[in-house]
Amino acid sequence: MVIDTAILLCIFFNEEHSLWAEDQLEKHHSSLRMSTVNLTEVLILLQDRQPQFFEKIREELLSSNLRFVAPTVTQAEKAAEARLQYPLNLGDCFAYALAAEEGCPILTLDKAFLKTDASVVTPY
C-alpha cells in the first residue's frame, strides 16, 4: 500500500481522521511504502509547522517500517501523465505513479485521488 503525504501529516498534526489513519497504518504495516517525493513533502511541512518536534518525528519516520522508494524514470513519466490527466499535485502524482508501478492501492485522505483510476483506501 502506498502512503500519501496527507496520511502522515494528519497523524503528526492530530487532524481529523488521525485515528482512522493510524488504524490503517497498523492494519497494513507489512506492506507500507512511500515515494521519496512524498517523504520530501512530509519533511518540509514538519520542519515548517512543528520545528520543535522535527528531529524526533524525522527519526521515528525514517526508522519505521515504511519502505521509501526513489522515483524511477518510468514513475516520472507516469507522474507527468497523471498531472495532465487528473487534478493531482506533484507529490500526489508520484504516489499515483508508485502505486501504478507496484500494483497496489493508495492510502489517502486526498479526495482528488477519487477522480483517478487508482485503487484508493480512504475514509470518504
C-alpha atoms as a PDB file:
ATOM      1  CA  MET A   1       0.000   0.000   0.000  1.00  0.00           C
ATOM      2  CA  VAL A   2       1.321   3.440  -0.988  1.00  0.00           C
ATOM      3  CA  ILE A   3       1.068   6.107   1.697  1.00  0.00           C
ATOM      4  CA  ASP A   4       0.090   9.579   0.564  1.00  0.00           C
ATOM      5  CA  THR A   5       1.597  12.598   2.312  1.00  0.00           C
ATOM      6  CA  ALA A   6      -1.756  13.590   3.816  1.00  0.00           C
ATOM      7  CA  ILE A   7      -1.942  10.407   5.901  1.00  0.00           C
ATOM      8  CA  LEU A   8       1.237  11.118   7.837  1.00  0.00           C
ATOM      9  CA  LEU A   9       0.521  14.822   8.212  1.00  0.00           C
ATOM     10  CA  CYS A  10      -2.925  14.048   9.572  1.00  0.00           C
ATOM     11  CA  ILE A  11      -1.362  11.850  12.246  1.00  0.00           C
ATOM     12  CA  PHE A  12       1.544  14.166  13.083  1.00  0.00           C
ATOM     13  CA  PHE A  13      -0.727  17.202  13.406  1.00  0.00           C
ATOM     14  CA  ASN A  14      -3.592  15.310  15.100  1.00  0.00           C
ATOM     15  CA  GLU A  15      -6.098  16.317  12.440  1.00  0.00           C
ATOM     16  CA  GLU A  16      -9.495  14.875  11.604  1.00  0.00           C
ATOM     17  CA  HIS A  17      -9.262  11.174  10.648  1.00  0.00           C
ATOM     18  CA  SER A  18      -5.958  10.719  12.510  1.00  0.00           C
ATOM     19  CA  LEU A  19      -7.293   7.697  14.427  1.00  0.00           C
ATOM     20  CA  TRP A  20      -8.554   6.164  11.191  1.00  0.00           C
ATOM     21  CA  ALA A  21      -5.168   6.792   9.556  1.00  0.00           C
ATOM     22  CA  GLU A  22      -3.275   5.233  12.460  1.00  0.00           C
ATOM     23  CA  ASP A  23      -5.572   2.199  12.310  1.00  0.00           C
ATOM     24  CA  GLN A  24      -4.927   1.805   8.578  1.00  0.00           C
ATOM     25  CA  LEU A  25      -1.150   2.020   9.046  1.00  0.00           C
ATOM     26  CA  GLU A  26      -1.326  -0.666  11.710  1.00  0.00           C
ATOM     27  CA  LYS A  27      -3.623  -2.838   9.606  1.00  0.00           C
ATOM     28  CA  HIS A  28      -1.286  -2.683   6.583  1.00  0.00           C
ATOM     29  CA  HIS A  29       2.035  -2.367   8.446  1.00  0.00           C
ATOM     30  CA  SER A  30       3.755  -5.127   6.494  1.00  0.00           C
ATOM     31  CA  SER A  31       3.172  -3.598   3.052  1.00  0.00           C
ATOM     32  CA  LEU A  32       3.627   0.162   3.514  1.00  0.00           C
ATOM     33  CA  ARG A  33       5.663   2.163   1.030  1.00  0.00           C
ATOM     34  CA  MET A  34       6.080   5.831   0.160  1.00  0.00           C
ATOM     35  CA  SER A  35       7.698   7.721  -2.662  1.00  0.00           C
ATOM     36  CA  THR A  36      10.674   9.760  -1.554  1.00  0.00           C
ATOM     37  CA  VAL A  37       8.935  12.710  -3.234  1.00  0.00           C
ATOM     38  CA  ASN A  38       6.141  12.356  -0.673  1.00  0.00           C
ATOM     39  CA  LEU A  39       8.721  11.952   2.074  1.00  0.00           C
ATOM     40  CA  THR A  40      10.158  15.296   0.988  1.00  0.00           C
ATOM     41  CA  GLU A  41       6.722  16.910   1.334  1.00  0.00           C
ATOM     42  CA  VAL A  42       6.310  15.477   4.824  1.00  0.00           C
ATOM     43  CA  LEU A  43       9.741  16.664   5.944  1.00  0.00           C
ATOM     44  CA  ILE A  44       9.200  20.184   4.586  1.00  0.00           C
ATOM     45  CA  LEU A  45       5.825  20.558   6.285  1.00  0.00           C
ATOM     46  CA  LEU A  46       7.066  19.077   9.558  1.00  0.00           C
ATOM     47  CA  GLN A  47      10.014  21.461   9.641  1.00  0.00           C
ATOM     48  CA  ASP A  48       7.734  24.379   8.805  1.00  0.00           C
ATOM     49  CA  ARG A  49       4.834  23.616  11.161  1.00  0.00           C
ATOM     50  CA  GLN A  50       6.479  21.727  14.045  1.00  0.00           C
ATOM     51  CA  PRO A  51      10.172  22.664  14.101  1.00  0.00           C
ATOM     52  CA  GLN A  52      10.487  21.840  17.804  1.00  0.00           C
ATOM     53  CA  PHE A  53       9.478  18.215  17.121  1.00  0.00           C
ATOM     54  CA  PHE A  54      11.084  17.859  13.700  1.00  0.00           C
ATOM     55  CA  GLU A  55      14.161  15.793  14.629  1.00  0.00           C
ATOM     56  CA  LYS A  56      12.232  13.376  16.845  1.00  0.00           C
ATOM     57  CA  ILE A  57       9.489  12.778  14.266  1.00  0.00           C
ATOM     58  CA  ARG A  58      12.030  12.572  11.434  1.00  0.00           C
ATOM     59  CA  GLU A  59      13.993   9.887  13.306  1.00  0.00           C
ATOM     60  CA  GLU A  60      10.826   7.897  14.027  1.00  0.00           C
ATOM     61  CA  LEU A  61       9.684   8.170  10.443  1.00  0.00           C
ATOM     62  CA  LEU A  62      12.989   7.117   8.918  1.00  0.00           C
ATOM     63  CA  SER A  63      13.343   4.162  11.285  1.00  0.00           C
ATOM     64  CA  SER A  64       9.748   2.990  10.776  1.00  0.00           C
ATOM     65  CA  ASN A  65       8.625   0.026   8.708  1.00  0.00           C
ATOM     66  CA  LEU A  66       7.802   2.285   5.747  1.00  0.00           C
ATOM     67  CA  ARG A  67       9.722   1.365   2.612  1.00  0.00           C
ATOM     68  CA  PHE A  68      10.834   4.575   0.907  1.00  0.00           C
ATOM     69  CA  VAL A  69      11.060   4.270  -2.873  1.00  0.00           C
ATOM     70  CA  ALA A  70      13.036   6.689  -5.030  1.00  0.00           C
ATOM     71  CA  PRO A  71      11.276   7.574  -8.276  1.00  0.00           C
ATOM     72  CA  THR A  72      12.340   5.852 -11.443  1.00  0.00           C
ATOM     73  CA  VAL A  73      12.234   7.342 -14.923  1.00  0.00           C
ATOM     74  CA  THR A  74       9.141   5.233 -15.588  1.00  0.00           C
ATOM     75  CA  GLN A  75       7.474   6.689 -12.498  1.00  0.00           C
ATOM     76  CA  ALA A  76       8.428  10.210 -13.581  1.00  0.00           C
ATOM     77  CA  GLU A  77       6.751   9.607 -16.942  1.00  0.00           C
ATOM     78  CA  LYS A  78       3.654   8.138 -15.269  1.00  0.00           C
ATOM     79  CA  ALA A  79       3.546  11.069 -12.821  1.00  0.00           C
ATOM     80  CA  ALA A  80       3.710  13.544 -15.709  1.00  0.00           C
ATOM     81  CA  GLU A  81       0.857  11.757 -17.483  1.00  0.00           C
ATOM     82  CA  ALA A  82      -1.179  11.780 -14.257  1.00  0.00           C
ATOM     83  CA  ARG A  83      -0.595  15.522 -13.752  1.00  0.00           C
ATOM     84  CA  LEU A  84      -2.023  16.239 -17.187  1.00  0.00           C
ATOM     85  CA  GLN A  85      -4.966  13.860 -16.774  1.00  0.00           C
ATOM     86  CA  TYR A  86      -6.046  14.296 -13.138  1.00  0.00           C
ATOM     87  CA  PRO A  87      -6.372  17.085 -10.544  1.00  0.00           C
ATOM     88  CA  LEU A  88      -3.267  15.956  -8.636  1.00  0.00           C
ATOM     89  CA  ASN A  89      -0.382  17.988  -7.274  1.00  0.00           C
ATOM     90  CA  LEU A  90       3.210  16.920  -7.914  1.00  0.00           C
ATOM     91  CA  GLY A  91       3.536  14.813  -4.778  1.00  0.00           C
ATOM     92  CA  ASP A  92       0.212  13.109  -5.454  1.00  0.00           C
ATOM     93  CA  CYS A  93       1.384  12.289  -8.969  1.00  0.00           C
ATOM     94  CA  PHE A  94       4.362  10.380  -7.578  1.00  0.00           C
ATOM     95  CA  ALA A  95       2.182   8.478  -5.097  1.00  0.00           C
ATOM     96  CA  TYR A  96      -0.065   7.620  -8.037  1.00  0.00           C
ATOM     97  CA  ALA A  97       2.883   6.519 -10.184  1.00  0.00           C
ATOM     98  CA  LEU A  98       4.367   4.344  -7.426  1.00  0.00           C
ATOM     99  CA  ALA A  99       1.010   2.674  -6.817  1.00  0.00           C
ATOM    100  CA  ALA A 100       0.574   2.051 -10.544  1.00  0.00           C
ATOM    101  CA  GLU A 101       4.071   0.593 -10.872  1.00  0.00           C
ATOM    102  CA  GLU A 102       3.721  -1.680  -7.844  1.00  0.00           C
ATOM    103  CA  GLY A 103       0.069  -2.591  -8.451  1.00  0.00           C
ATOM    104  CA  CYS A 104      -1.227  -1.557  -5.048  1.00  0.00           C
ATOM    105  CA  PRO A 105      -3.759   0.887  -3.589  1.00  0.00           C
ATOM    106  CA  ILE A 106      -3.086   4.376  -2.244  1.00  0.00           C
ATOM    107  CA  LEU A 107      -3.887   5.149   1.386  1.00  0.00           C
ATOM    108  CA  THR A 108      -5.027   8.750   1.327  1.00  0.00           C
ATOM    109  CA  LEU A 109      -7.214  11.490   2.710  1.00  0.00           C
ATOM    110  CA  ASP A 110      -6.978  13.466  -0.523  1.00  0.00           C
ATOM    111  CA  LYS A 111     -10.290  13.382  -2.388  1.00  0.00           C
ATOM    112  CA  ALA A 112      -8.512  14.214  -5.657  1.00  0.00           C
ATOM    113  CA  PHE A 113      -7.457  10.562  -5.878  1.00  0.00           C
ATOM    114  CA  LEU A 114     -11.138   9.604  -6.134  1.00  0.00           C
ATOM    115  CA  LYS A 115     -11.142  11.261  -9.578  1.00  0.00           C
ATOM    116  CA  THR A 116      -8.390   8.954 -10.859  1.00  0.00           C
ATOM    117  CA  ASP A 117      -8.334   5.348 -11.963  1.00  0.00           C
ATOM    118  CA  ALA A 118      -6.240   4.372  -8.926  1.00  0.00           C
ATOM    119  CA  SER A 119      -7.433   1.989  -6.259  1.00  0.00           C
ATOM    120  CA  VAL A 120      -7.677   4.048  -3.072  1.00  0.00           C
ATOM    121  CA  VAL A 121      -8.320   3.435   0.605  1.00  0.00           C
ATOM    122  CA  THR A 122      -9.973   6.483   2.130  1.00  0.00           C
ATOM    123  CA  PRO A 123     -12.461   7.220   4.910  1.00  0.00           C
ATOM    124  CA  TYR A 124     -14.775   9.037   2.465  1.00  0.00           C
END
